[in-house]
Amino acid sequence: MRTYLDFEKPIAELESRIEDLRGMEKSADVNVNDEISRLEVKAQKLLSDTYSNLTRWQKTSVARHAQRPHFCDYIEGLTEDFTPLAGDRSFGEDEAIVGGPARFRGRSVMFIGHEKGRDTESRLKHNFGSARPEGYRKAIRLMEMAERFHMPVVSLVDTAGAYPGLGAEERGQAEAIATCTEKCLGLGSPLISVIVGEGGSGGAVAIAAGNRVMMLEHSIYSVISPEGCASILWRDAQARGDNKAPDAAEAMKIAASDLLELGVIDQIISEPLGGAHRDVKATIERLGDAVEHAIHDLEDLSPEELRKQRREKFLNIGRVGLA
């Protein structure tokens, strides 16, 4: 059953009417094909018009959509022989970050990514994609393994941010994020990072400091969530019940088009009309094509060339457009 967002209510009404007519056609000797065709054209146009003019706050809702494909969906759709590896060899296992080697279109590739979970049980198991220190230390271990065996690394980012709990802080959350980011920047293997949903704060960049950084069209990438930003900047307004998160989303420029223009990312992967959740299979295929192309572009570079390219890329962020 399809889940609609608030701004999709007119689309939901049209599509519901189409389904009612189809049910009427099956249960009675009534020809409603012409009316169905007319409504389908109208719904398709409305969907196209809506998604071509999304605000940044609406894109945030799409990026968080419950039916959007997750890390495990990409692994299932793109790889063979995926072997998940657990534990950081220091404290324990963190299932908010999942990773391991797999066969991807004829290559051995190390996949690492956030997994939010699909239902209540799996969301709790994966901590809603918010990793603890052991998750980032596991990612470091997997990147070192990939480097040792000359495998490219692909990271799929989808997190509201690293877990801020007391236990995580006691075990060195900030140090783990910083060290993981450092490992990304110094990795001797190609690192391709894709923001597939939310890219929130250091919890995202810790596995996204790659040679090639891409975003799905309706994903978001920011230093803080719009709600978090609004609570800091407009505390009084929030207390009065005035939702300032949409204003924060606009001010922070969190959309893929903004970040491409600013030089933070390298490529936008287009999504099917209506978002990734409307055609999961097509989204997975498009992401796979983009990742395969990026690996092909980077696979002949030496470790030193990869490190240099990555360093120059991140040092140039903020200099785009400056004379």
Protein backbone atom coordinates (compact mmCIF):
# COMPACT_ATOMS: atom_id res chain seq x y z
CA MET A 1 0.00 0.00 0.00
CA ARG A 2 1.43 3.35 -1.08
CA THR A 3 2.09 5.99 1.57
CA TYR A 4 1.49 9.60 0.56
CA LEU A 5 3.17 12.69 1.96
CA ASP A 6 1.18 15.76 3.00
CA PHE A 7 1.94 17.70 -0.17
CA GLU A 8 0.87 14.69 -2.28
CA LYS A 9 -2.79 14.78 -1.16
CA PRO A 10 -4.14 15.99 -4.55
CA ILE A 11 -2.20 13.16 -6.22
CA ALA A 12 -3.53 10.68 -3.67
CA GLU A 13 -7.12 11.74 -4.37
CA LEU A 14 -6.71 11.27 -8.12
CA GLU A 15 -5.01 7.90 -7.80
CA SER A 16 -7.65 6.74 -5.32
CA ARG A 17 -10.35 7.69 -7.82
CA ILE A 18 -8.55 5.69 -10.52
CA GLU A 19 -8.43 2.62 -8.25
CA ASP A 20 -12.14 3.00 -7.46
CA LEU A 21 -12.97 3.09 -11.17
CA ARG A 22 -10.87 0.00 -11.82
CA GLY A 23 -12.75 -1.82 -9.06
CA MET A 24 -16.05 -0.69 -10.57
CA GLU A 25 -14.98 -1.99 -13.97
CA LYS A 26 -14.29 -5.45 -12.54
CA SER A 27 -17.47 -5.71 -10.48
CA ALA A 28 -19.99 -4.44 -13.06
CA ASP A 29 -20.52 -4.37 -16.78
CA VAL A 30 -19.43 -0.76 -17.05
CA ASN A 31 -16.88 0.68 -19.49
CA VAL A 32 -14.84 3.30 -17.65
CA ASN A 33 -11.62 2.97 -19.65
CA ASP A 34 -11.87 6.44 -21.13
CA GLU A 35 -12.36 8.04 -17.73
CA ILE A 36 -9.47 6.02 -16.26
CA SER A 37 -7.18 7.08 -19.10
CA ARG A 38 -8.16 10.72 -18.66
CA LEU A 39 -7.49 10.61 -14.91
CA GLU A 40 -4.18 8.78 -15.39
CA VAL A 41 -2.94 11.52 -17.71
CA LYS A 42 -4.09 14.16 -15.22
CA ALA A 43 -2.43 12.35 -12.31
CA GLN A 44 0.82 11.94 -14.21
CA LYS A 45 0.91 15.64 -15.09
CA LEU A 46 0.14 16.62 -11.50
CA LEU A 47 2.88 14.31 -10.23
CA SER A 48 5.37 15.79 -12.72
CA ASP A 49 4.42 19.37 -11.87
CA THR A 50 4.62 18.69 -8.13
CA TYR A 51 8.02 16.97 -8.18
CA SER A 52 9.60 19.49 -10.51
CA ASN A 53 8.88 22.28 -8.01
CA LEU A 54 9.59 20.72 -4.61
CA THR A 55 10.72 23.00 -1.82
CA ARG A 56 13.74 21.94 0.22
CA TRP A 57 11.44 21.03 3.11
CA GLN A 58 9.34 18.83 0.82
CA LYS A 59 12.53 17.16 -0.40
CA THR A 60 13.33 16.45 3.25
CA SER A 61 10.03 14.59 3.53
CA VAL A 62 10.79 12.60 0.37
CA ALA A 63 14.29 11.75 1.64
CA ARG A 64 12.72 10.35 4.82
CA HIS A 65 9.90 8.47 3.08
CA ALA A 66 9.24 5.15 4.81
CA GLN A 67 9.13 3.25 1.49
CA ARG A 68 12.37 4.68 0.12
CA PRO A 69 14.98 1.96 -0.64
CA HIS A 70 17.50 1.30 2.13
CA PHE A 71 21.02 -0.13 2.22
CA CYS A 72 19.78 -3.73 2.33
CA ASP A 73 17.58 -3.12 -0.73
CA TYR A 74 20.57 -1.85 -2.73
CA ILE A 75 22.67 -4.82 -1.63
CA GLU A 76 19.95 -7.26 -2.63
CA GLY A 77 19.35 -5.58 -5.99
CA LEU A 78 22.95 -4.92 -7.03
CA THR A 79 25.24 -7.54 -5.54
CA GLU A 80 25.92 -11.23 -5.23
CA ASP A 81 27.61 -13.11 -2.39
CA PHE A 82 27.39 -10.21 0.06
CA THR A 83 29.08 -11.24 3.31
CA PRO A 84 28.21 -8.92 6.22
CA LEU A 85 31.06 -8.51 8.70
CA ALA A 86 30.38 -7.62 12.33
CA GLY A 87 32.20 -5.97 15.19
CA ASP A 88 34.87 -3.33 15.65
CA ARG A 89 37.34 -5.71 17.41
CA SER A 90 37.38 -3.31 20.37
CA PHE A 91 33.98 -3.13 22.03
CA GLY A 92 31.18 -4.76 20.08
CA GLU A 93 28.80 -4.69 17.13
CA ASP A 94 26.70 -1.79 15.91
CA GLU A 95 24.01 -2.65 13.38
CA ALA A 96 23.27 0.94 12.36
CA ILE A 97 26.20 0.54 9.95
CA VAL A 98 26.23 -2.60 7.84
CA GLY A 99 29.14 -3.63 5.64
CA GLY A 100 31.06 -6.37 3.94
CA PRO A 101 32.53 -7.57 0.63
CA ALA A 102 30.33 -8.52 -2.32
CA ARG A 103 30.44 -9.17 -6.05
CA PHE A 104 29.20 -6.14 -7.98
CA ARG A 105 29.00 -6.44 -11.77
CA GLY A 106 32.03 -8.67 -11.99
CA ARG A 107 34.12 -6.90 -9.35
CA SER A 108 34.88 -7.49 -5.69
CA VAL A 109 33.67 -4.39 -3.84
CA MET A 110 33.46 -3.45 -0.15
CA PHE A 111 30.02 -2.01 0.64
CA ILE A 112 29.45 0.05 3.79
CA GLY A 113 26.29 1.92 4.68
CA HIS A 114 23.67 3.04 7.14
CA GLU A 115 20.58 0.89 7.57
CA LYS A 116 17.53 2.49 9.20
CA GLY A 117 15.24 -0.53 9.21
CA ARG A 118 11.78 -0.96 7.71
CA ASP A 119 9.45 -1.82 10.61
CA THR A 120 9.50 -1.25 14.38
CA GLU A 121 11.59 -4.33 15.14
CA SER A 122 14.23 -3.68 12.49
CA ARG A 123 14.36 0.06 13.26
CA LEU A 124 15.16 -0.71 16.86
CA LYS A 125 17.70 -3.32 15.79
CA HIS A 126 19.47 -0.82 13.52
CA ASN A 127 18.91 2.13 15.90
CA PHE A 128 17.15 4.08 13.12
CA GLY A 129 20.46 4.35 11.24
CA SER A 130 22.16 6.38 13.99
CA ALA A 131 25.54 4.74 14.57
CA ARG A 132 27.48 4.40 17.80
CA PRO A 133 31.32 4.58 17.95
CA GLU A 134 31.70 0.85 17.27
CA GLY A 135 29.84 1.32 13.99
CA TYR A 136 32.41 3.84 12.75
CA ARG A 137 35.28 1.71 14.03
CA LYS A 138 33.82 -1.24 12.15
CA ALA A 139 33.72 0.93 9.01
CA ILE A 140 37.42 1.75 9.53
CA ARG A 141 38.19 -1.98 9.84
CA LEU A 142 36.33 -2.73 6.60
CA MET A 143 38.06 0.09 4.71
CA GLU A 144 41.44 -1.20 5.86
CA MET A 145 40.48 -4.68 4.67
CA ALA A 146 39.41 -3.28 1.28
CA GLU A 147 42.71 -1.44 0.96
CA ARG A 148 44.65 -4.60 1.80
CA PHE A 149 42.86 -6.59 -0.90
CA HIS A 150 42.74 -3.76 -3.48
CA MET A 151 38.95 -3.47 -3.47
CA PRO A 152 37.04 -0.26 -4.20
CA VAL A 153 34.78 0.92 -1.39
CA VAL A 154 31.18 2.04 -1.91
CA SER A 155 29.41 3.81 0.96
CA LEU A 156 25.66 4.43 1.01
CA VAL A 157 24.70 7.18 3.42
CA ASP A 158 21.28 7.45 5.06
CA THR A 159 21.31 8.78 8.61
CA ALA A 160 19.85 11.65 10.59
CA GLY A 161 23.19 11.74 12.45
CA ALA A 162 25.39 9.75 14.80
CA TYR A 163 23.78 8.49 18.00
CA PRO A 164 24.14 11.13 20.77
CA GLY A 165 23.54 8.86 23.78
CA LEU A 166 25.58 8.85 26.97
CA GLY A 167 27.16 5.45 26.28
CA ALA A 168 28.24 6.54 22.80
CA GLU A 169 29.87 9.66 24.20
CA GLU A 170 31.61 7.65 26.92
CA ARG A 171 33.08 5.33 24.28
CA GLY A 172 34.45 8.22 22.21
CA GLN A 173 31.84 9.10 19.58
CA ALA A 174 33.61 12.26 18.40
CA GLU A 175 36.97 10.50 18.14
CA ALA A 176 35.42 7.60 16.22
CA ILE A 177 33.77 9.94 13.70
CA ALA A 178 36.97 11.98 13.26
CA THR A 179 39.13 8.87 12.83
CA CYS A 180 36.68 7.37 10.34
CA THR A 181 36.69 10.59 8.31
CA GLU A 182 40.49 10.59 8.42
CA LYS A 183 40.51 7.00 7.17
CA CYS A 184 38.26 7.94 4.25
CA LEU A 185 40.58 10.78 3.26
CA GLY A 186 43.70 8.61 3.50
CA LEU A 187 42.31 5.47 1.90
CA GLY A 188 44.45 3.92 -0.83
CA SER A 189 41.43 2.40 -2.62
CA PRO A 190 38.76 4.21 -4.66
CA LEU A 191 35.95 5.44 -2.41
CA ILE A 192 32.56 6.20 -3.96
CA SER A 193 29.95 7.69 -1.63
CA VAL A 194 26.24 8.10 -2.36
CA ILE A 195 23.74 9.93 -0.16
CA VAL A 196 20.60 7.87 -0.72
CA GLY A 197 18.29 9.49 1.85
CA GLU A 198 19.35 11.72 4.71
CA GLY A 199 22.95 12.82 5.05
CA GLY A 200 23.03 14.24 8.54
CA SER A 201 26.07 15.90 10.12
CA GLY A 202 29.35 14.14 11.00
CA GLY A 203 27.50 10.85 11.20
CA ALA A 204 27.15 11.04 7.43
CA VAL A 205 30.45 12.60 6.39
CA ALA A 206 32.38 10.00 8.42
CA ILE A 207 31.81 7.49 5.61
CA ALA A 208 31.22 9.99 2.79
CA ALA A 209 34.61 11.67 2.33
CA GLY A 210 35.10 9.94 -1.01
CA ASN A 211 36.80 10.45 -4.35
CA ARG A 212 33.35 10.69 -5.90
CA VAL A 213 30.37 11.92 -3.86
CA MET A 214 26.92 11.57 -5.39
CA MET A 215 23.36 12.19 -4.23
CA LEU A 216 20.03 10.80 -5.27
CA GLU A 217 17.89 13.61 -6.67
CA HIS A 218 15.58 13.95 -3.67
CA SER A 219 18.06 13.19 -0.90
CA ILE A 220 19.40 15.84 1.50
CA TYR A 221 22.86 16.53 2.96
CA SER A 222 23.45 19.00 5.79
CA VAL A 223 25.45 19.80 8.90
CA ILE A 224 22.30 19.58 11.06
CA SER A 225 18.67 18.60 10.52
CA PRO A 226 16.23 21.43 9.63
CA GLU A 227 14.42 20.79 12.93
CA GLY A 228 17.69 21.01 14.88
CA CYS A 229 18.69 24.21 13.14
CA ALA A 230 15.28 25.76 13.76
CA SER A 231 15.37 24.89 17.46
CA ILE A 232 18.68 26.75 17.82
CA LEU A 233 17.92 29.81 15.68
CA TRP A 234 14.23 30.28 16.47
CA ARG A 235 13.82 28.81 19.94
CA ASP A 236 11.05 31.25 20.92
CA ALA A 237 9.09 30.64 17.72
CA GLN A 238 9.33 26.88 18.20
CA ALA A 239 8.02 27.24 21.75
CA ARG A 240 4.98 29.10 20.37
CA GLY A 241 4.29 26.21 18.01
CA ASP A 242 5.50 28.09 14.92
CA ASN A 243 7.32 25.49 12.79
CA LYS A 244 10.47 27.11 11.45
CA ALA A 245 12.02 23.90 10.07
CA PRO A 246 10.94 24.73 6.48
CA ASP A 247 12.70 28.11 6.77
CA ALA A 248 15.82 26.38 8.11
CA ALA A 249 15.79 23.90 5.21
CA GLU A 250 15.65 26.76 2.70
CA ALA A 251 18.42 28.70 4.45
CA MET A 252 20.81 25.75 4.72
CA LYS A 253 20.56 24.77 1.02
CA ILE A 254 20.36 21.06 1.71
CA ALA A 255 19.11 19.84 -1.68
CA ALA A 256 21.25 17.96 -4.20
CA SER A 257 21.06 20.82 -6.73
CA ASP A 258 22.37 23.28 -4.11
CA LEU A 259 25.28 21.07 -3.15
CA LEU A 260 26.26 20.36 -6.75
CA GLU A 261 26.36 24.11 -7.40
CA LEU A 262 28.48 24.64 -4.27
CA GLY A 263 30.93 21.89 -5.26
CA VAL A 264 30.16 19.71 -2.24
CA ILE A 265 29.03 16.80 -4.43
CA ASP A 266 30.05 15.66 -7.90
CA GLN A 267 26.90 14.20 -9.40
CA ILE A 268 23.13 13.93 -8.99
CA ILE A 269 21.52 10.57 -9.73
CA SER A 270 18.03 11.17 -11.09
CA GLU A 271 15.11 9.41 -9.42
CA PRO A 272 11.97 8.03 -11.10
CA LEU A 273 9.07 10.47 -11.34
CA GLY A 274 7.53 10.77 -7.89
CA GLY A 275 10.66 9.75 -5.98
CA ALA A 276 12.68 6.59 -5.39
CA HIS A 277 9.85 4.98 -3.39
CA ARG A 278 7.60 4.86 -6.48
CA ASP A 279 10.00 2.68 -8.47
CA VAL A 280 12.55 1.05 -6.20
CA LYS A 281 13.92 -1.27 -8.90
CA ALA A 282 14.65 1.59 -11.32
CA THR A 283 16.29 3.63 -8.55
CA ILE A 284 18.59 0.75 -7.60
CA GLU A 285 19.55 0.22 -11.24
CA ARG A 286 20.36 3.92 -11.76
CA LEU A 287 22.49 4.01 -8.64
CA GLY A 288 24.30 0.86 -9.75
CA ASP A 289 25.08 2.39 -13.16
CA ALA A 290 26.45 5.57 -11.54
CA VAL A 291 28.62 3.60 -9.10
CA GLU A 292 29.94 1.31 -11.85
CA HIS A 293 30.91 4.32 -13.97
CA ALA A 294 32.66 5.98 -11.01
CA ILE A 295 34.65 2.83 -10.21
CA HIS A 296 35.70 2.59 -13.86
CA ASP A 297 36.94 6.20 -13.78
CA LEU A 298 39.00 5.67 -10.61
CA GLU A 299 40.26 2.10 -10.80
CA ASP A 300 43.48 2.90 -12.70
CA LEU A 301 44.65 5.57 -10.25
CA SER A 302 47.44 4.69 -7.83
CA PRO A 303 46.89 4.96 -4.06
CA GLU A 304 48.84 8.22 -3.97
CA GLU A 305 46.82 9.65 -6.87
CA LEU A 306 43.57 8.68 -5.13
CA ARG A 307 44.66 10.38 -1.90
CA LYS A 308 45.76 13.50 -3.77
CA GLN A 309 42.53 13.72 -5.77
CA ARG A 310 40.46 13.31 -2.60
CA ARG A 311 42.49 15.91 -0.71
CA GLU A 312 42.22 18.48 -3.49
CA LYS A 313 38.50 17.84 -3.87
CA PHE A 314 37.74 18.58 -0.22
CA LEU A 315 40.15 21.53 0.05
CA ASN A 316 38.36 23.11 -2.91
CA ILE A 317 34.95 23.04 -1.23
CA GLY A 318 33.98 26.65 -0.56
CA ARG A 319 36.29 27.99 -3.23
CA VAL A 320 33.81 27.34 -6.06
CA GLY A 321 33.06 30.53 -7.92
CA LEU A 322 35.77 32.55 -6.20
CA ALA A 323 38.18 34.47 -8.39
